[in-house]
Amino acid sequence: MQSEHNEPNHQTWRSRTTQFLLGSLLGSFLILVPLSYFMYFTPEAVHLVHYMGSATFVLLCGTLSAVFGDRFLKLLSALFESMPGS
């Protein structure tokens, strides 16, 4: 007779927190590329709204990765890999 807590599909708070942090990290990398471009070429065009939108995007990526797990993280990493590099 197994306990309910030993199920492999049951996600713990630690795994959800880790997925939230990984999603937030990937989201911050995704948003820093265009934000740094705008800050370098047109620093007077970057306003508080851009920073608030960036923070919202990062939190949204973290929340979606905590809810959907590896499926969203794979999608986010595929998006990150498809960005053109130098």
PDB file of N, CA and C in Angstrom:
ATOM      1  N   MET A   1       0.842  -1.175   0.000  1.00  0.00           N
ATOM      2  CA  MET A   1       0.000   0.000   0.000  1.00  0.00           C
ATOM      3  C   MET A   1       0.886   1.236   0.000  1.00  0.00           C
ATOM      4  N   GLN A   2       0.785   2.020  -1.072  1.00  0.00           N
ATOM      5  CA  GLN A   2       1.630   3.199  -1.197  1.00  0.00           C
ATOM      6  C   GLN A   2       0.910   4.437  -0.684  1.00  0.00           C
ATOM      7  N   SER A   3       1.678   5.345  -0.223  1.00  0.00           N
ATOM      8  CA  SER A   3       1.158   6.632   0.218  1.00  0.00           C
ATOM      9  C   SER A   3       0.873   7.518  -0.995  1.00  0.00           C
ATOM     10  N   GLU A   4       0.017   8.514  -0.815  1.00  0.00           N
ATOM     11  CA  GLU A   4      -0.329   9.420  -1.915  1.00  0.00           C
ATOM     12  C   GLU A   4       0.831  10.321  -2.297  1.00  0.00           C
ATOM     13  N   HIS A   5       1.746  10.539  -1.396  1.00  0.00           N
ATOM     14  CA  HIS A   5       2.839  11.477  -1.645  1.00  0.00           C
ATOM     15  C   HIS A   5       3.971  10.875  -2.457  1.00  0.00           C
ATOM     16  N   ASN A   6       3.943   9.584  -2.691  1.00  0.00           N
ATOM     17  CA  ASN A   6       5.012   8.950  -3.457  1.00  0.00           C
ATOM     18  C   ASN A   6       4.687   8.808  -4.928  1.00  0.00           C
ATOM     19  N   GLU A   7       3.597   9.379  -5.380  1.00  0.00           N
ATOM     20  CA  GLU A   7       3.231   9.291  -6.787  1.00  0.00           C
ATOM     21  C   GLU A   7       4.202  10.109  -7.629  1.00  0.00           C
ATOM     22  N   PRO A   8       4.631   9.597  -8.773  1.00  0.00           N
ATOM     23  CA  PRO A   8       5.591  10.339  -9.603  1.00  0.00           C
ATOM     24  C   PRO A   8       4.974  11.566 -10.274  1.00  0.00           C
ATOM     25  N   ASN A   9       3.653  11.595 -10.490  1.00  0.00           N
ATOM     26  CA  ASN A   9       3.017  12.724 -11.166  1.00  0.00           C
ATOM     27  C   ASN A   9       2.705  13.871 -10.208  1.00  0.00           C
ATOM     28  N   HIS A  10       2.815  13.622  -8.926  1.00  0.00           N
ATOM     29  CA  HIS A  10       2.518  14.657  -7.940  1.00  0.00           C
ATOM     30  C   HIS A  10       3.697  15.619  -7.850  1.00  0.00           C
ATOM     31  N   GLN A  11       3.465  16.879  -8.226  1.00  0.00           N
ATOM     32  CA  GLN A  11       4.552  17.852  -8.199  1.00  0.00           C
ATOM     33  C   GLN A  11       4.611  18.525  -6.834  1.00  0.00           C
ATOM     34  N   THR A  12       5.792  18.619  -6.317  1.00  0.00           N
ATOM     35  CA  THR A  12       5.988  19.244  -5.024  1.00  0.00           C
ATOM     36  C   THR A  12       6.170  20.740  -5.190  1.00  0.00           C
ATOM     37  N   TRP A  13       6.150  21.433  -4.089  1.00  0.00           N
ATOM     38  CA  TRP A  13       6.381  22.880  -4.140  1.00  0.00           C
ATOM     39  C   TRP A  13       7.783  23.195  -4.634  1.00  0.00           C
ATOM     40  N   ARG A  14       8.718  22.322  -4.324  1.00  0.00           N
ATOM     41  CA  ARG A  14      10.094  22.555  -4.756  1.00  0.00           C
ATOM     42  C   ARG A  14      10.206  22.475  -6.277  1.00  0.00           C
ATOM     43  N   SER A  15       9.548  21.496  -6.888  1.00  0.00           N
ATOM     44  CA  SER A  15       9.629  21.376  -8.347  1.00  0.00           C
ATOM     45  C   SER A  15       8.885  22.517  -9.029  1.00  0.00           C
ATOM     46  N   ARG A  16       7.760  22.936  -8.476  1.00  0.00           N
ATOM     47  CA  ARG A  16       7.034  24.075  -9.058  1.00  0.00           C
ATOM     48  C   ARG A  16       7.832  25.362  -8.913  1.00  0.00           C
ATOM     49  N   THR A  17       8.498  25.534  -7.785  1.00  0.00           N
ATOM     50  CA  THR A  17       9.329  26.724  -7.586  1.00  0.00           C
ATOM     51  C   THR A  17      10.507  26.725  -8.549  1.00  0.00           C
ATOM     52  N   THR A  18      11.109  25.566  -8.748  1.00  0.00           N
ATOM     53  CA  THR A  18      12.219  25.457  -9.689  1.00  0.00           C
ATOM     54  C   THR A  18      11.758  25.776 -11.101  1.00  0.00           C
ATOM     55  N   GLN A  19      10.594  25.257 -11.483  1.00  0.00           N
ATOM     56  CA  GLN A  19      10.071  25.551 -12.817  1.00  0.00           C
ATOM     57  C   GLN A  19       9.719  27.022 -12.957  1.00  0.00           C
ATOM     58  N   PHE A  20       9.186  27.648 -11.896  1.00  0.00           N
ATOM     59  CA  PHE A  20       8.899  29.081 -11.938  1.00  0.00           C
ATOM     60  C   PHE A  20      10.180  29.879 -12.148  1.00  0.00           C
ATOM     61  N   LEU A  21      11.222  29.520 -11.419  1.00  0.00           N
ATOM     62  CA  LEU A  21      12.486  30.247 -11.551  1.00  0.00           C
ATOM     63  C   LEU A  21      13.122  30.040 -12.921  1.00  0.00           C
ATOM     64  N   LEU A  22      13.049  28.823 -13.451  1.00  0.00           N
ATOM     65  CA  LEU A  22      13.590  28.579 -14.796  1.00  0.00           C
ATOM     66  C   LEU A  22      12.801  29.341 -15.858  1.00  0.00           C
ATOM     67  N   GLY A  23      11.483  29.364 -15.730  1.00  0.00           N
ATOM     68  CA  GLY A  23      10.659  30.121 -16.671  1.00  0.00           C
ATOM     69  C   GLY A  23      10.926  31.610 -16.582  1.00  0.00           C
ATOM     70  N   SER A  24      11.103  32.106 -15.365  1.00  0.00           N
ATOM     71  CA  SER A  24      11.416  33.525 -15.194  1.00  0.00           C
ATOM     72  C   SER A  24      12.780  33.868 -15.768  1.00  0.00           C
ATOM     73  N   LEU A  25      13.729  32.964 -15.596  1.00  0.00           N
ATOM     74  CA  LEU A  25      15.067  33.191 -16.137  1.00  0.00           C
ATOM     75  C   LEU A  25      15.049  33.228 -17.659  1.00  0.00           C
ATOM     76  N   LEU A  26      14.389  32.259 -18.279  1.00  0.00           N
ATOM     77  CA  LEU A  26      14.301  32.255 -19.741  1.00  0.00           C
ATOM     78  C   LEU A  26      13.501  33.451 -20.248  1.00  0.00           C
ATOM     79  N   GLY A  27      12.440  33.813 -19.546  1.00  0.00           N
ATOM     80  CA  GLY A  27      11.658  34.987 -19.925  1.00  0.00           C
ATOM     81  C   GLY A  27      12.461  36.272 -19.820  1.00  0.00           C
ATOM     82  N   SER A  28      13.311  36.364 -18.797  1.00  0.00           N
ATOM     83  CA  SER A  28      14.131  37.572 -18.665  1.00  0.00           C
ATOM     84  C   SER A  28      15.173  37.655 -19.768  1.00  0.00           C
ATOM     85  N   PHE A  29      15.726  36.501 -20.171  1.00  0.00           N
ATOM     86  CA  PHE A  29      16.655  36.519 -21.301  1.00  0.00           C
ATOM     87  C   PHE A  29      15.950  36.937 -22.584  1.00  0.00           C
ATOM     88  N   LEU A  30      14.739  36.440 -22.769  1.00  0.00           N
ATOM     89  CA  LEU A  30      13.988  36.798 -23.978  1.00  0.00           C
ATOM     90  C   LEU A  30      13.643  38.275 -24.028  1.00  0.00           C
ATOM     91  N   ILE A  31      13.340  38.878 -22.901  1.00  0.00           N
ATOM     92  CA  ILE A  31      12.929  40.280 -22.898  1.00  0.00           C
ATOM     93  C   ILE A  31      14.134  41.220 -22.844  1.00  0.00           C
ATOM     94  N   LEU A  32      15.278  40.742 -22.352  1.00  0.00           N
ATOM     95  CA  LEU A  32      16.447  41.616 -22.281  1.00  0.00           C
ATOM     96  C   LEU A  32      17.051  41.911 -23.644  1.00  0.00           C
ATOM     97  N   VAL A  33      16.863  41.024 -24.594  1.00  0.00           N
ATOM     98  CA  VAL A  33      17.426  41.257 -25.934  1.00  0.00           C
ATOM     99  C   VAL A  33      16.799  42.490 -26.581  1.00  0.00           C
ATOM    100  N   PRO A  34      15.474  42.572 -26.731  1.00  0.00           N
ATOM    101  CA  PRO A  34      14.925  43.793 -27.343  1.00  0.00           C
ATOM    102  C   PRO A  34      15.054  45.019 -26.444  1.00  0.00           C
ATOM    103  N   LEU A  35      14.954  44.828 -25.127  1.00  0.00           N
ATOM    104  CA  LEU A  35      15.064  45.972 -24.227  1.00  0.00           C
ATOM    105  C   LEU A  35      16.465  46.582 -24.263  1.00  0.00           C
ATOM    106  N   SER A  36      17.494  45.742 -24.323  1.00  0.00           N
ATOM    107  CA  SER A  36      18.854  46.277 -24.404  1.00  0.00           C
ATOM    108  C   SER A  36      19.097  46.953 -25.746  1.00  0.00           C
ATOM    109  N   TYR A  37      18.484  46.442 -26.807  1.00  0.00           N
ATOM    110  CA  TYR A  37      18.598  47.071 -28.124  1.00  0.00           C
ATOM    111  C   TYR A  37      18.017  48.482 -28.084  1.00  0.00           C
ATOM    112  N   PHE A  38      16.819  48.619 -27.510  1.00  0.00           N
ATOM    113  CA  PHE A  38      16.193  49.942 -27.433  1.00  0.00           C
ATOM    114  C   PHE A  38      16.951  50.869 -26.497  1.00  0.00           C
ATOM    115  N   MET A  39      17.488  50.329 -25.409  1.00  0.00           N
ATOM    116  CA  MET A  39      18.228  51.182 -24.476  1.00  0.00           C
ATOM    117  C   MET A  39      19.546  51.660 -25.085  1.00  0.00           C
ATOM    118  N   TYR A  40      20.135  50.876 -25.974  1.00  0.00           N
ATOM    119  CA  TYR A  40      21.402  51.255 -26.580  1.00  0.00           C
ATOM    120  C   TYR A  40      21.208  52.287 -27.681  1.00  0.00           C
ATOM    121  N   PHE A  41      20.224  52.070 -28.555  1.00  0.00           N
ATOM    122  CA  PHE A  41      20.061  52.943 -29.704  1.00  0.00           C
ATOM    123  C   PHE A  41      19.148  54.136 -29.433  1.00  0.00           C
ATOM    124  N   THR A  42      18.122  53.961 -28.641  1.00  0.00           N
ATOM    125  CA  THR A  42      17.207  55.070 -28.330  1.00  0.00           C
ATOM    126  C   THR A  42      16.888  55.063 -26.835  1.00  0.00           C
ATOM    127  N   PRO A  43      17.841  55.501 -26.000  1.00  0.00           N
ATOM    128  CA  PRO A  43      17.599  55.436 -24.553  1.00  0.00           C
ATOM    129  C   PRO A  43      16.479  56.366 -24.085  1.00  0.00           C
ATOM    130  N   GLU A  44      16.216  57.433 -24.825  1.00  0.00           N
ATOM    131  CA  GLU A  44      15.148  58.349 -24.409  1.00  0.00           C
ATOM    132  C   GLU A  44      13.762  57.793 -24.724  1.00  0.00           C
ATOM    133  N   ALA A  45      13.678  56.736 -25.527  1.00  0.00           N
ATOM    134  CA  ALA A  45      12.387  56.156 -25.889  1.00  0.00           C
ATOM    135  C   ALA A  45      11.929  55.072 -24.906  1.00  0.00           C
ATOM    136  N   VAL A  46      12.808  54.672 -23.987  1.00  0.00           N
ATOM    137  CA  VAL A  46      12.447  53.637 -23.018  1.00  0.00           C
ATOM    138  C   VAL A  46      11.860  54.317 -21.789  1.00  0.00           C
ATOM    139  N   HIS A  47      10.627  53.926 -21.445  1.00  0.00           N
ATOM    140  CA  HIS A  47       9.928  54.549 -20.327  1.00  0.00           C
ATOM    141  C   HIS A  47       9.569  53.501 -19.287  1.00  0.00           C
ATOM    142  N   LEU A  48       8.917  53.951 -18.242  1.00  0.00           N
ATOM    143  CA  LEU A  48       8.514  53.068 -17.161  1.00  0.00           C
ATOM    144  C   LEU A  48       7.568  51.974 -17.649  1.00  0.00           C
ATOM    145  N   VAL A  49       6.775  52.282 -18.649  1.00  0.00           N
ATOM    146  CA  VAL A  49       5.840  51.299 -19.195  1.00  0.00           C
ATOM    147  C   VAL A  49       6.591  50.102 -19.763  1.00  0.00           C
ATOM    148  N   HIS A  50       7.726  50.331 -20.388  1.00  0.00           N
ATOM    149  CA  HIS A  50       8.524  49.240 -20.942  1.00  0.00           C
ATOM    150  C   HIS A  50       9.078  48.345 -19.837  1.00  0.00           C
ATOM    151  N   TYR A  51       9.516  48.950 -18.743  1.00  0.00           N
ATOM    152  CA  TYR A  51      10.026  48.165 -17.619  1.00  0.00           C
ATOM    153  C   TYR A  51       8.903  47.375 -16.950  1.00  0.00           C
ATOM    154  N   MET A  52       7.739  47.983 -16.824  1.00  0.00           N
ATOM    155  CA  MET A  52       6.600  47.281 -16.225  1.00  0.00           C
ATOM    156  C   MET A  52       6.131  46.142 -17.131  1.00  0.00           C
ATOM    157  N   GLY A  53       6.119  46.367 -18.429  1.00  0.00           N
ATOM    158  CA  GLY A  53       5.769  45.306 -19.364  1.00  0.00           C
ATOM    159  C   GLY A  53       6.771  44.170 -19.338  1.00  0.00           C
ATOM    160  N   SER A  54       8.046  44.514 -19.187  1.00  0.00           N
ATOM    161  CA  SER A  54       9.082  43.484 -19.101  1.00  0.00           C
ATOM    162  C   SER A  54       8.922  42.644 -17.840  1.00  0.00           C
ATOM    163  N   ALA A  55       8.660  43.295 -16.723  1.00  0.00           N
ATOM    164  CA  ALA A  55       8.457  42.563 -15.468  1.00  0.00           C
ATOM    165  C   ALA A  55       7.214  41.681 -15.542  1.00  0.00           C
ATOM    166  N   THR A  56       6.166  42.178 -16.187  1.00  0.00           N
ATOM    167  CA  THR A  56       4.951  41.386 -16.356  1.00  0.00           C
ATOM    168  C   THR A  56       5.222  40.164 -17.221  1.00  0.00           C
ATOM    169  N   PHE A  57       5.988  40.336 -18.291  1.00  0.00           N
ATOM    170  CA  PHE A  57       6.328  39.220 -19.165  1.00  0.00           C
ATOM    171  C   PHE A  57       7.141  38.162 -18.427  1.00  0.00           C
ATOM    172  N   VAL A  58       8.091  38.593 -17.619  1.00  0.00           N
ATOM    173  CA  VAL A  58       8.924  37.657 -16.866  1.00  0.00           C
ATOM    174  C   VAL A  58       8.076  36.878 -15.866  1.00  0.00           C
ATOM    175  N   LEU A  59       7.202  37.569 -15.142  1.00  0.00           N
ATOM    176  CA  LEU A  59       6.332  36.886 -14.181  1.00  0.00           C
ATOM    177  C   LEU A  59       5.333  35.963 -14.880  1.00  0.00           C
ATOM    178  N   LEU A  60       4.855  36.364 -16.035  1.00  0.00           N
ATOM    179  CA  LEU A  60       3.945  35.519 -16.798  1.00  0.00           C
ATOM    180  C   LEU A  60       4.646  34.246 -17.270  1.00  0.00           C
ATOM    181  N   CYS A  61       5.866  34.374 -17.756  1.00  0.00           N
ATOM    182  CA  CYS A  61       6.633  33.192 -18.175  1.00  0.00           C
ATOM    183  C   CYS A  61       6.885  32.265 -16.988  1.00  0.00           C
ATOM    184  N   GLY A  62       7.213  32.824 -15.839  1.00  0.00           N
ATOM    185  CA  GLY A  62       7.437  32.003 -14.650  1.00  0.00           C
ATOM    186  C   GLY A  62       6.175  31.306 -14.199  1.00  0.00           C
ATOM    187  N   THR A  63       5.048  32.011 -14.220  1.00  0.00           N
ATOM    188  CA  THR A  63       3.782  31.415 -13.803  1.00  0.00           C
ATOM    189  C   THR A  63       3.336  30.322 -14.765  1.00  0.00           C
ATOM    190  N   LEU A  64       3.443  30.576 -16.058  1.00  0.00           N
ATOM    191  CA  LEU A  64       3.042  29.567 -17.037  1.00  0.00           C
ATOM    192  C   LEU A  64       3.938  28.333 -16.982  1.00  0.00           C
ATOM    193  N   SER A  65       5.209  28.521 -16.709  1.00  0.00           N
ATOM    194  CA  SER A  65       6.087  27.360 -16.606  1.00  0.00           C
ATOM    195  C   SER A  65       5.817  26.581 -15.327  1.00  0.00           C
ATOM    196  N   ALA A  66       5.391  27.255 -14.261  1.00  0.00           N
ATOM    197  CA  ALA A  66       5.032  26.539 -13.038  1.00  0.00           C
ATOM    198  C   ALA A  66       3.732  25.769 -13.219  1.00  0.00           C
ATOM    199  N   VAL A  67       2.807  26.317 -14.000  1.00  0.00           N
ATOM    200  CA  VAL A  67       1.515  25.656 -14.200  1.00  0.00           C
ATOM    201  C   VAL A  67       1.632  24.519 -15.209  1.00  0.00           C
ATOM    202  N   PHE A  68       2.248  24.777 -16.365  1.00  0.00           N
ATOM    203  CA  PHE A  68       2.291  23.791 -17.430  1.00  0.00           C
ATOM    204  C   PHE A  68       3.541  22.922 -17.403  1.00  0.00           C
ATOM    205  N   GLY A  69       4.524  23.294 -16.648  1.00  0.00           N
ATOM    206  CA  GLY A  69       5.706  22.455 -16.462  1.00  0.00           C
ATOM    207  C   GLY A  69       6.636  22.421 -17.654  1.00  0.00           C
ATOM    208  N   ASP A  70       7.097  21.212 -17.969  1.00  0.00           N
ATOM    209  CA  ASP A  70       8.120  21.030 -18.996  1.00  0.00           C
ATOM    210  C   ASP A  70       7.635  21.391 -20.392  1.00  0.00           C
ATOM    211  N   ARG A  71       6.334  21.268 -20.640  1.00  0.00           N
ATOM    212  CA  ARG A  71       5.827  21.611 -21.983  1.00  0.00           C
ATOM    213  C   ARG A  71       6.085  23.085 -22.289  1.00  0.00           C
ATOM    214  N   PHE A  72       5.796  23.973 -21.334  1.00  0.00           N
ATOM    215  CA  PHE A  72       6.015  25.397 -21.565  1.00  0.00           C
ATOM    216  C   PHE A  72       7.498  25.734 -21.571  1.00  0.00           C
ATOM    217  N   LEU A  73       8.282  25.071 -20.737  1.00  0.00           N
ATOM    218  CA  LEU A  73       9.724  25.324 -20.729  1.00  0.00           C
ATOM    219  C   LEU A  73      10.369  24.907 -22.047  1.00  0.00           C
ATOM    220  N   LYS A  74       9.910  23.803 -22.626  1.00  0.00           N
ATOM    221  CA  LYS A  74      10.436  23.387 -23.930  1.00  0.00           C
ATOM    222  C   LYS A  74      10.052  24.385 -25.013  1.00  0.00           C
ATOM    223  N   LEU A  75       8.823  24.887 -24.959  1.00  0.00           N
ATOM    224  CA  LEU A  75       8.384  25.895 -25.922  1.00  0.00           C
ATOM    225  C   LEU A  75       9.188  27.179 -25.767  1.00  0.00           C
ATOM    226  N   LEU A  76       9.424  27.591 -24.543  1.00  0.00           N
ATOM    227  CA  LEU A  76      10.177  28.811 -24.275  1.00  0.00           C
ATOM    228  C   LEU A  76      11.634  28.661 -24.700  1.00  0.00           C
ATOM    229  N   SER A  77      12.221  27.508 -24.444  1.00  0.00           N
ATOM    230  CA  SER A  77      13.617  27.307 -24.867  1.00  0.00           C
ATOM    231  C   SER A  77      13.726  27.202 -26.387  1.00  0.00           C
ATOM    232  N   ALA A  78      12.706  26.641 -27.045  1.00  0.00           N
ATOM    233  CA  ALA A  78      12.713  26.612 -28.520  1.00  0.00           C
ATOM    234  C   ALA A  78      12.626  28.025 -29.083  1.00  0.00           C
ATOM    235  N   LEU A  79      11.815  28.872 -28.447  1.00  0.00           N
ATOM    236  CA  LEU A  79      11.731  30.261 -28.876  1.00  0.00           C
ATOM    237  C   LEU A  79      13.057  30.981 -28.660  1.00  0.00           C
ATOM    238  N   PHE A  80      13.705  30.675 -27.553  1.00  0.00           N
ATOM    239  CA  PHE A  80      14.989  31.291 -27.259  1.00  0.00           C
ATOM    240  C   PHE A  80      16.067  30.839 -28.252  1.00  0.00           C
ATOM    241  N   GLU A  81      16.037  29.569 -28.644  1.00  0.00           N
ATOM    242  CA  GLU A  81      17.016  29.057 -29.595  1.00  0.00           C
ATOM    243  C   GLU A  81      16.775  29.555 -31.013  1.00  0.00           C
ATOM    244  N   SER A  82      15.535  29.946 -31.331  1.00  0.00           N
ATOM    245  CA  SER A  82      15.243  30.398 -32.692  1.00  0.00           C
ATOM    246  C   SER A  82      15.608  31.850 -32.922  1.00  0.00           C
ATOM    247  N   MET A  83      16.013  32.565 -31.871  1.00  0.00           N
ATOM    248  CA  MET A  83      16.415  33.961 -32.032  1.00  0.00           C
ATOM    249  C   MET A  83      17.737  34.029 -32.785  1.00  0.00           C
ATOM    250  N   PRO A  84      17.869  35.011 -33.678  1.00  0.00           N
ATOM    251  CA  PRO A  84      19.125  35.106 -34.432  1.00  0.00           C
ATOM    252  C   PRO A  84      20.281  35.510 -33.517  1.00  0.00           C
ATOM    253  N   GLY A  85      21.394  34.900 -33.704  1.00  0.00           N
ATOM    254  CA  GLY A  85      22.591  35.201 -32.915  1.00  0.00           C
ATOM    255  C   GLY A  85      23.594  35.982 -33.714  1.00  0.00           C
ATOM    256  N   SER A  86      24.621  36.399 -33.056  1.00  0.00           N
ATOM    257  CA  SER A  86      25.651  37.177 -33.758  1.00  0.00           C
ATOM    258  C   SER A  86      26.749  36.294 -34.283  1.00  0.00           C
TER     259      SER A  86
END
